[in-house]
Structure formats: C-alpha cells, structure tokens
Amino acid sequence: MRRASPLLVGLTFLAQASAARAAEVAPAPPAPPVATAPAPAPASETPAVASQNTPPAEYRRFQVGVQFLPMPLGEVSAEQGGLPIAAESRFAFGAGLSLGYDIWSGLIIGVAPQVITGAKPRDEQQTAGNEYDLMARVAYRYTVPGVAAVYAEVLPGYSLYFPVRSNTSKGFVLAGGVGCEIDLSDHLYANVGLGYQKGWQTQSATSNYRTSYVRVALGIGARF
C-alpha cells in the first residue's frame, strides 16, 4: 500500500480546522421580538362612561298635545242668600291644550288651558254657558319599556263659569287624574285618562255657582 502524501494530510487538517473556527464565530440567531403593552391613554383622552341615570341623546323633553274631554257626570251647585241648591249636570264636553317640559326623569311641568261647553243643570232648557279654565299641570310619567307609559297629574288653576241667567262665577279650580300614553311613532303618542275636577267659583260674598265633573281625557300629542 502506498502511504498518504504529507501535503494531502496537511491540507485536510487545515480544512477541518477552518470549518471548526467558522462554526465557533457564527452569529447566534436573533431573539424573537417581545410584545409590549400599549401605554395607558392620558386622562383627558379616556372616553367618558355615561351614567346610568343620564337620559339618552334622543330623549325628548318638550311635549305638546290636544285633548278631547267628555264629562259624562257632573254637578252644578249654587248658593244665594244662604240657600244651597245642587243639580246634576248635563253631559258636558271639553277641549284642552297641554304644553309641558320634562324637568327631571319623568316629572313634567306645564300649562293646560281648557274650555267646557254644556255645563248646566239637567232640567235647564236654555242654552248652557261655557266654562274657561286656565290650569297649570304637574305630572309624573313612568315608562314601561316596550309597552306604554302611565302618568298621574294634578291641575290647579283659575276658572270662569258663565251660568244660565246669572252673572259670571269665578275662582279656584282643581283637577286630577291618571292615564296612559301609547307611542304611535318616534314623536307622536296617543293618551287616554280618567279624572275629576272641582271648582270653587264665586260671584260675590253671598252667592256663587260652582261646577264639578268626572272627566275623560282622549288626546294626541308630540314630543320634541
């Protein structure tokens, strides 16, 4: 057998040494990037959280409505010279206008003027006089989501009653009632209610004509 050449052995040794040194100095692979949490937004940029008691942006506070007011039961009373007289009233009809503003979470303040015709004793044959009532309105409205809204109202005011064959009788009047509202659209609603009103009208210190009614309210209105 022939012996390997010293030159060939030397070259082989140098090649192996170069490969080993290259492996030692090879750079390590880069480390994977580390995810960092975003810095919290400054207080001025943090979105505000709406309070549960804050009304939605579309909440409509102003409302206006018209009312038809049938008054199937009533009484006309009078006193002249200390002699009291009372008689059942004929079926009277009324019409009213209401303007209100929701000042806080369903509490509504407004005005509700009305006119009543046909207010006279049942056995009276002459044409009945009218009654004009200028009333304020305080109401509380509670909404049942997806169903309707119920309300209770108090209406204090000032009344002018023109009785048959007598002078004008005027004075304090007070009405109250309950009812419900049903939405017809985003703005429109219909309402129905039942209540009672009583007047303390007087003509002079010794005479008066006073009215009282059971009242039904049928109306339509809008909120803005």
C-alpha atoms as a PDB file:
ATOM      1  CA  MET A   1       0.000   0.000   0.000  1.00  0.00           C
ATOM      2  CA  ARG A   2       1.099   3.478  -0.689  1.00  0.00           C
ATOM      3  CA  ARG A   3       1.355   5.960   2.209  1.00  0.00           C
ATOM      4  CA  ALA A   4      -0.644   9.230   2.071  1.00  0.00           C
ATOM      5  CA  SER A   5       1.284  12.240   0.967  1.00  0.00           C
ATOM      6  CA  PRO A   6       2.257  14.612   3.822  1.00  0.00           C
ATOM      7  CA  LEU A   7       0.915  17.527   1.715  1.00  0.00           C
ATOM      8  CA  LEU A   8      -2.520  15.931   1.405  1.00  0.00           C
ATOM      9  CA  VAL A   9      -2.665  15.251   5.142  1.00  0.00           C
ATOM     10  CA  GLY A  10      -1.766  18.861   5.886  1.00  0.00           C
ATOM     11  CA  LEU A  11      -4.435  20.294   3.594  1.00  0.00           C
ATOM     12  CA  THR A  12      -7.069  18.020   5.148  1.00  0.00           C
ATOM     13  CA  PHE A  13      -6.067  19.150   8.618  1.00  0.00           C
ATOM     14  CA  LEU A  14      -6.240  22.849   7.633  1.00  0.00           C
ATOM     15  CA  ALA A  15      -9.725  22.421   6.101  1.00  0.00           C
ATOM     16  CA  GLN A  16     -11.105  20.803   9.253  1.00  0.00           C
ATOM     17  CA  ALA A  17      -9.603  23.492  11.468  1.00  0.00           C
ATOM     18  CA  SER A  18     -11.110  26.296   9.312  1.00  0.00           C
ATOM     19  CA  ALA A  19     -14.580  24.704   9.446  1.00  0.00           C
ATOM     20  CA  ALA A  20     -14.434  24.369  13.233  1.00  0.00           C
ATOM     21  CA  ARG A  21     -13.405  28.008  13.661  1.00  0.00           C
ATOM     22  CA  ALA A  22     -16.187  29.209  11.335  1.00  0.00           C
ATOM     23  CA  ALA A  23     -18.752  27.317  13.453  1.00  0.00           C
ATOM     24  CA  GLU A  24     -17.440  28.985  16.624  1.00  0.00           C
ATOM     25  CA  VAL A  25     -17.692  32.555  15.301  1.00  0.00           C
ATOM     26  CA  ALA A  26     -21.092  32.190  13.516  1.00  0.00           C
ATOM     27  CA  PRO A  27     -23.585  34.753  14.947  1.00  0.00           C
ATOM     28  CA  ALA A  28     -26.467  33.445  17.061  1.00  0.00           C
ATOM     29  CA  PRO A  29     -29.987  33.763  15.566  1.00  0.00           C
ATOM     30  CA  PRO A  30     -31.808  36.959  16.612  1.00  0.00           C
ATOM     31  CA  ALA A  31     -34.132  36.710  19.654  1.00  0.00           C
ATOM     32  CA  PRO A  32     -37.880  36.858  18.901  1.00  0.00           C
ATOM     33  CA  PRO A  33     -39.486  40.313  19.477  1.00  0.00           C
ATOM     34  CA  VAL A  34     -41.077  40.830  22.888  1.00  0.00           C
ATOM     35  CA  ALA A  35     -44.653  42.211  22.816  1.00  0.00           C
ATOM     36  CA  THR A  36     -45.109  45.298  24.954  1.00  0.00           C
ATOM     37  CA  ALA A  37     -48.452  46.509  26.372  1.00  0.00           C
ATOM     38  CA  PRO A  38     -49.625  49.892  24.994  1.00  0.00           C
ATOM     39  CA  ALA A  39     -49.206  52.797  27.346  1.00  0.00           C
ATOM     40  CA  PRO A  40     -52.493  53.912  29.007  1.00  0.00           C
ATOM     41  CA  ALA A  41     -54.146  56.906  27.391  1.00  0.00           C
ATOM     42  CA  PRO A  42     -53.903  60.203  29.245  1.00  0.00           C
ATOM     43  CA  ALA A  43     -56.831  61.041  31.462  1.00  0.00           C
ATOM     44  CA  SER A  44     -58.005  63.700  29.010  1.00  0.00           C
ATOM     45  CA  GLU A  45     -58.207  61.101  26.204  1.00  0.00           C
ATOM     46  CA  THR A  46     -60.008  58.388  28.193  1.00  0.00           C
ATOM     47  CA  PRO A  47     -63.583  58.078  26.864  1.00  0.00           C
ATOM     48  CA  ALA A  48     -66.190  59.149  29.395  1.00  0.00           C
ATOM     49  CA  VAL A  49     -68.592  56.485  30.620  1.00  0.00           C
ATOM     50  CA  ALA A  50     -72.220  57.669  30.617  1.00  0.00           C
ATOM     51  CA  SER A  51     -74.040  57.428  33.908  1.00  0.00           C
ATOM     52  CA  GLN A  52     -76.995  55.057  34.043  1.00  0.00           C
ATOM     53  CA  ASN A  53     -79.171  57.977  35.160  1.00  0.00           C
ATOM     54  CA  THR A  54     -78.218  60.140  32.161  1.00  0.00           C
ATOM     55  CA  PRO A  55     -81.064  60.273  29.560  1.00  0.00           C
ATOM     56  CA  PRO A  56     -80.135  59.041  26.060  1.00  0.00           C
ATOM     57  CA  ALA A  57     -79.294  61.582  23.413  1.00  0.00           C
ATOM     58  CA  GLU A  58     -82.696  61.105  21.728  1.00  0.00           C
ATOM     59  CA  TYR A  59     -84.644  61.732  24.954  1.00  0.00           C
ATOM     60  CA  ARG A  60     -87.344  64.297  24.152  1.00  0.00           C
ATOM     61  CA  ARG A  61     -88.307  66.641  26.971  1.00  0.00           C
ATOM     62  CA  PHE A  62     -90.808  69.065  25.411  1.00  0.00           C
ATOM     63  CA  GLN A  63     -94.316  67.852  24.652  1.00  0.00           C
ATOM     64  CA  VAL A  64     -97.474  69.398  23.238  1.00  0.00           C
ATOM     65  CA  GLY A  65    -100.883  67.794  22.994  1.00  0.00           C
ATOM     66  CA  VAL A  66    -104.579  68.385  22.379  1.00  0.00           C
ATOM     67  CA  GLN A  67    -107.323  66.791  24.467  1.00  0.00           C
ATOM     68  CA  PHE A  68    -110.977  65.926  23.924  1.00  0.00           C
ATOM     69  CA  LEU A  69    -112.660  65.945  27.347  1.00  0.00           C
ATOM     70  CA  PRO A  70    -116.058  64.267  27.618  1.00  0.00           C
ATOM     71  CA  MET A  71    -117.620  64.858  31.041  1.00  0.00           C
ATOM     72  CA  PRO A  72    -120.458  62.364  31.427  1.00  0.00           C
ATOM     73  CA  LEU A  73    -121.109  63.040  35.123  1.00  0.00           C
ATOM     74  CA  GLY A  74    -121.161  66.360  36.907  1.00  0.00           C
ATOM     75  CA  GLU A  75    -122.895  68.718  39.253  1.00  0.00           C
ATOM     76  CA  VAL A  76    -123.783  72.386  39.225  1.00  0.00           C
ATOM     77  CA  SER A  77    -124.299  73.859  42.681  1.00  0.00           C
ATOM     78  CA  ALA A  78    -125.370  77.339  43.704  1.00  0.00           C
ATOM     79  CA  GLU A  79    -125.881  79.340  46.840  1.00  0.00           C
ATOM     80  CA  GLN A  80    -127.853  82.574  47.066  1.00  0.00           C
ATOM     81  CA  GLY A  81    -128.747  84.238  50.312  1.00  0.00           C
ATOM     82  CA  GLY A  82    -127.557  81.243  52.282  1.00  0.00           C
ATOM     83  CA  LEU A  83    -129.834  78.834  50.388  1.00  0.00           C
ATOM     84  CA  PRO A  84    -127.823  75.998  48.749  1.00  0.00           C
ATOM     85  CA  ILE A  85    -129.036  74.356  45.539  1.00  0.00           C
ATOM     86  CA  ALA A  86    -127.426  71.439  43.704  1.00  0.00           C
ATOM     87  CA  ALA A  87    -128.404  69.747  40.456  1.00  0.00           C
ATOM     88  CA  GLU A  88    -126.965  67.037  38.248  1.00  0.00           C
ATOM     89  CA  SER A  89    -125.242  68.449  35.206  1.00  0.00           C
ATOM     90  CA  ARG A  90    -125.959  67.531  31.625  1.00  0.00           C
ATOM     91  CA  PHE A  91    -123.345  65.642  29.623  1.00  0.00           C
ATOM     92  CA  ALA A  92    -120.692  68.316  29.018  1.00  0.00           C
ATOM     93  CA  PHE A  93    -117.878  68.412  26.518  1.00  0.00           C
ATOM     94  CA  GLY A  94    -114.468  69.982  26.825  1.00  0.00           C
ATOM     95  CA  ALA A  95    -111.371  70.585  24.769  1.00  0.00           C
ATOM     96  CA  GLY A  96    -107.901  71.437  26.006  1.00  0.00           C
ATOM     97  CA  LEU A  97    -104.329  72.132  25.044  1.00  0.00           C
ATOM     98  CA  SER A  98    -101.324  70.971  27.045  1.00  0.00           C
ATOM     99  CA  LEU A  99     -97.747  72.201  26.922  1.00  0.00           C
ATOM    100  CA  GLY A 100     -95.175  70.556  29.155  1.00  0.00           C
ATOM    101  CA  TYR A 101     -91.482  70.089  29.799  1.00  0.00           C
ATOM    102  CA  ASP A 102     -89.835  67.092  31.451  1.00  0.00           C
ATOM    103  CA  ILE A 103     -87.620  68.784  34.033  1.00  0.00           C
ATOM    104  CA  TRP A 104     -86.296  65.623  35.668  1.00  0.00           C
ATOM    105  CA  SER A 105     -86.731  61.904  34.979  1.00  0.00           C
ATOM    106  CA  GLY A 106     -90.444  61.954  34.082  1.00  0.00           C
ATOM    107  CA  LEU A 107     -91.532  64.947  36.209  1.00  0.00           C
ATOM    108  CA  ILE A 108     -93.419  67.256  33.832  1.00  0.00           C
ATOM    109  CA  ILE A 109     -94.325  70.897  34.458  1.00  0.00           C
ATOM    110  CA  GLY A 110     -96.538  72.862  32.112  1.00  0.00           C
ATOM    111  CA  VAL A 111     -99.874  74.525  31.380  1.00  0.00           C
ATOM    112  CA  ALA A 112    -103.210  73.037  30.266  1.00  0.00           C
ATOM    113  CA  PRO A 113    -105.934  75.584  29.406  1.00  0.00           C
ATOM    114  CA  GLN A 114    -109.364  74.172  28.564  1.00  0.00           C
ATOM    115  CA  VAL A 115    -112.916  75.167  27.657  1.00  0.00           C
ATOM    116  CA  ILE A 116    -116.093  73.312  28.679  1.00  0.00           C
ATOM    117  CA  THR A 117    -119.461  73.658  26.991  1.00  0.00           C
ATOM    118  CA  GLY A 118    -122.846  72.266  28.019  1.00  0.00           C
ATOM    119  CA  ALA A 119    -122.336  72.849  31.757  1.00  0.00           C
ATOM    120  CA  LYS A 120    -125.851  73.375  33.101  1.00  0.00           C
ATOM    121  CA  PRO A 121    -128.407  71.561  35.274  1.00  0.00           C
ATOM    122  CA  ARG A 122    -130.055  68.614  33.531  1.00  0.00           C
ATOM    123  CA  ASP A 123    -133.552  70.136  33.645  1.00  0.00           C
ATOM    124  CA  GLU A 124    -132.425  73.547  32.369  1.00  0.00           C
ATOM    125  CA  GLN A 125    -133.872  74.275  28.921  1.00  0.00           C
ATOM    126  CA  GLN A 126    -131.944  77.391  27.990  1.00  0.00           C
ATOM    127  CA  THR A 127    -128.585  77.361  26.275  1.00  0.00           C
ATOM    128  CA  ALA A 128    -125.789  76.490  28.646  1.00  0.00           C
ATOM    129  CA  GLY A 129    -122.953  78.836  29.389  1.00  0.00           C
ATOM    130  CA  ASN A 130    -119.323  77.962  28.856  1.00  0.00           C
ATOM    131  CA  GLU A 131    -116.583  77.470  31.393  1.00  0.00           C
ATOM    132  CA  TYR A 132    -112.976  78.542  30.788  1.00  0.00           C
ATOM    133  CA  ASP A 133    -110.236  77.063  32.942  1.00  0.00           C
ATOM    134  CA  LEU A 134    -106.645  78.260  32.858  1.00  0.00           C
ATOM    135  CA  MET A 135    -104.680  75.477  34.553  1.00  0.00           C
ATOM    136  CA  ALA A 136    -101.126  74.623  35.388  1.00  0.00           C
ATOM    137  CA  ARG A 137    -100.139  70.960  35.043  1.00  0.00           C
ATOM    138  CA  VAL A 138     -97.811  68.899  37.213  1.00  0.00           C
ATOM    139  CA  ALA A 139     -97.487  65.265  36.127  1.00  0.00           C
ATOM    140  CA  TYR A 140     -95.265  62.285  36.688  1.00  0.00           C
ATOM    141  CA  ARG A 141     -94.765  59.886  33.786  1.00  0.00           C
ATOM    142  CA  TYR A 142     -93.369  56.362  34.177  1.00  0.00           C
ATOM    143  CA  THR A 143     -92.397  54.359  31.087  1.00  0.00           C
ATOM    144  CA  VAL A 144     -92.841  50.595  30.859  1.00  0.00           C
ATOM    145  CA  PRO A 145     -90.274  49.707  28.129  1.00  0.00           C
ATOM    146  CA  GLY A 146     -91.850  48.245  25.020  1.00  0.00           C
ATOM    147  CA  VAL A 147     -95.387  48.588  26.398  1.00  0.00           C
ATOM    148  CA  ALA A 148     -96.623  52.096  27.231  1.00  0.00           C
ATOM    149  CA  ALA A 149     -96.238  54.922  29.734  1.00  0.00           C
ATOM    150  CA  VAL A 150     -98.507  55.615  32.698  1.00  0.00           C
ATOM    151  CA  TYR A 151     -98.948  59.012  34.321  1.00  0.00           C
ATOM    152  CA  ALA A 152    -100.617  60.821  37.188  1.00  0.00           C
ATOM    153  CA  GLU A 153    -101.414  64.531  37.025  1.00  0.00           C
ATOM    154  CA  VAL A 154    -102.605  67.443  39.158  1.00  0.00           C
ATOM    155  CA  LEU A 155    -104.024  70.581  37.530  1.00  0.00           C
ATOM    156  CA  PRO A 156    -104.648  73.636  39.723  1.00  0.00           C
ATOM    157  CA  GLY A 157    -105.995  76.765  38.084  1.00  0.00           C
ATOM    158  CA  TYR A 158    -108.417  79.640  37.769  1.00  0.00           C
ATOM    159  CA  SER A 159    -111.929  79.231  36.362  1.00  0.00           C
ATOM    160  CA  LEU A 160    -114.533  81.476  34.753  1.00  0.00           C
ATOM    161  CA  TYR A 161    -118.022  79.943  34.614  1.00  0.00           C
ATOM    162  CA  PHE A 162    -120.936  81.629  32.843  1.00  0.00           C
ATOM    163  CA  PRO A 163    -124.110  80.086  34.303  1.00  0.00           C
ATOM    164  CA  VAL A 164    -127.532  80.326  32.704  1.00  0.00           C
ATOM    165  CA  ARG A 165    -129.411  83.514  33.714  1.00  0.00           C
ATOM    166  CA  SER A 166    -126.785  84.659  36.179  1.00  0.00           C
ATOM    167  CA  ASN A 167    -123.564  86.577  36.490  1.00  0.00           C
ATOM    168  CA  THR A 168    -120.088  85.210  35.919  1.00  0.00           C
ATOM    169  CA  SER A 169    -118.809  82.982  38.677  1.00  0.00           C
ATOM    170  CA  LYS A 170    -115.052  82.784  39.029  1.00  0.00           C
ATOM    171  CA  GLY A 171    -112.428  81.298  41.303  1.00  0.00           C
ATOM    172  CA  PHE A 172    -110.118  78.412  42.061  1.00  0.00           C
ATOM    173  CA  VAL A 173    -110.448  75.049  40.271  1.00  0.00           C
ATOM    174  CA  LEU A 174    -108.543  71.818  40.839  1.00  0.00           C
ATOM    175  CA  ALA A 175    -108.401  68.683  38.686  1.00  0.00           C
ATOM    176  CA  GLY A 176    -106.530  65.413  38.945  1.00  0.00           C
ATOM    177  CA  GLY A 177    -106.328  62.141  37.097  1.00  0.00           C
ATOM    178  CA  VAL A 178    -104.412  59.129  35.869  1.00  0.00           C
ATOM    179  CA  GLY A 179    -103.881  57.725  32.393  1.00  0.00           C
ATOM    180  CA  CYS A 180    -101.581  56.049  29.922  1.00  0.00           C
ATOM    181  CA  GLU A 181     -99.726  57.047  26.771  1.00  0.00           C
ATOM    182  CA  ILE A 182     -99.035  54.825  23.761  1.00  0.00           C
ATOM    183  CA  ASP A 183     -96.337  55.775  21.242  1.00  0.00           C
ATOM    184  CA  LEU A 184     -97.522  55.980  17.632  1.00  0.00           C
ATOM    185  CA  SER A 185     -94.112  56.910  16.196  1.00  0.00           C
ATOM    186  CA  ASP A 186     -90.790  58.391  17.322  1.00  0.00           C
ATOM    187  CA  HIS A 187     -92.558  61.690  18.065  1.00  0.00           C
ATOM    188  CA  LEU A 188     -96.317  61.072  18.184  1.00  0.00           C
ATOM    189  CA  TYR A 189     -98.294  59.490  21.008  1.00  0.00           C
ATOM    190  CA  ALA A 190    -101.938  58.959  21.982  1.00  0.00           C
ATOM    191  CA  ASN A 191    -103.278  59.121  25.516  1.00  0.00           C
ATOM    192  CA  VAL A 192    -106.370  58.148  27.462  1.00  0.00           C
ATOM    193  CA  GLY A 193    -107.118  59.139  31.039  1.00  0.00           C
ATOM    194  CA  LEU A 194    -109.752  59.411  33.730  1.00  0.00           C
ATOM    195  CA  GLY A 195    -110.036  62.111  36.379  1.00  0.00           C
ATOM    196  CA  TYR A 196    -112.137  64.503  38.410  1.00  0.00           C
ATOM    197  CA  GLN A 197    -112.287  68.271  38.721  1.00  0.00           C
ATOM    198  CA  LYS A 198    -113.990  70.610  41.163  1.00  0.00           C
ATOM    199  CA  GLY A 199    -114.424  74.368  41.156  1.00  0.00           C
ATOM    200  CA  TRP A 200    -114.804  76.869  43.973  1.00  0.00           C
ATOM    201  CA  GLN A 201    -116.105  79.732  41.849  1.00  0.00           C
ATOM    202  CA  THR A 202    -117.973  82.633  43.473  1.00  0.00           C
ATOM    203  CA  GLN A 203    -119.987  85.611  42.291  1.00  0.00           C
ATOM    204  CA  SER A 204    -119.957  87.616  45.484  1.00  0.00           C
ATOM    205  CA  ALA A 205    -119.658  87.127  49.223  1.00  0.00           C
ATOM    206  CA  THR A 206    -123.250  85.804  49.380  1.00  0.00           C
ATOM    207  CA  SER A 207    -123.735  83.959  46.079  1.00  0.00           C
ATOM    208  CA  ASN A 208    -121.916  81.500  43.872  1.00  0.00           C
ATOM    209  CA  TYR A 209    -122.262  78.972  41.054  1.00  0.00           C
ATOM    210  CA  ARG A 210    -119.843  76.047  41.177  1.00  0.00           C
ATOM    211  CA  THR A 211    -119.172  73.079  38.921  1.00  0.00           C
ATOM    212  CA  SER A 212    -117.660  69.641  39.338  1.00  0.00           C
ATOM    213  CA  TYR A 213    -117.147  66.870  36.767  1.00  0.00           C
ATOM    214  CA  VAL A 214    -115.913  63.366  36.206  1.00  0.00           C
ATOM    215  CA  ARG A 215    -113.675  63.814  33.179  1.00  0.00           C
ATOM    216  CA  VAL A 216    -112.359  61.517  30.489  1.00  0.00           C
ATOM    217  CA  ALA A 217    -109.277  62.587  28.530  1.00  0.00           C
ATOM    218  CA  LEU A 218    -108.713  61.397  24.940  1.00  0.00           C
ATOM    219  CA  GLY A 219    -105.814  63.045  23.210  1.00  0.00           C
ATOM    220  CA  ILE A 220    -102.910  63.034  20.822  1.00  0.00           C
ATOM    221  CA  GLY A 221     -99.586  64.783  21.134  1.00  0.00           C
ATOM    222  CA  ALA A 222     -95.969  65.016  20.095  1.00  0.00           C
ATOM    223  CA  ARG A 223     -92.605  65.137  21.869  1.00  0.00           C
ATOM    224  CA  PHE A 224     -89.590  67.146  20.727  1.00  0.00           C
END
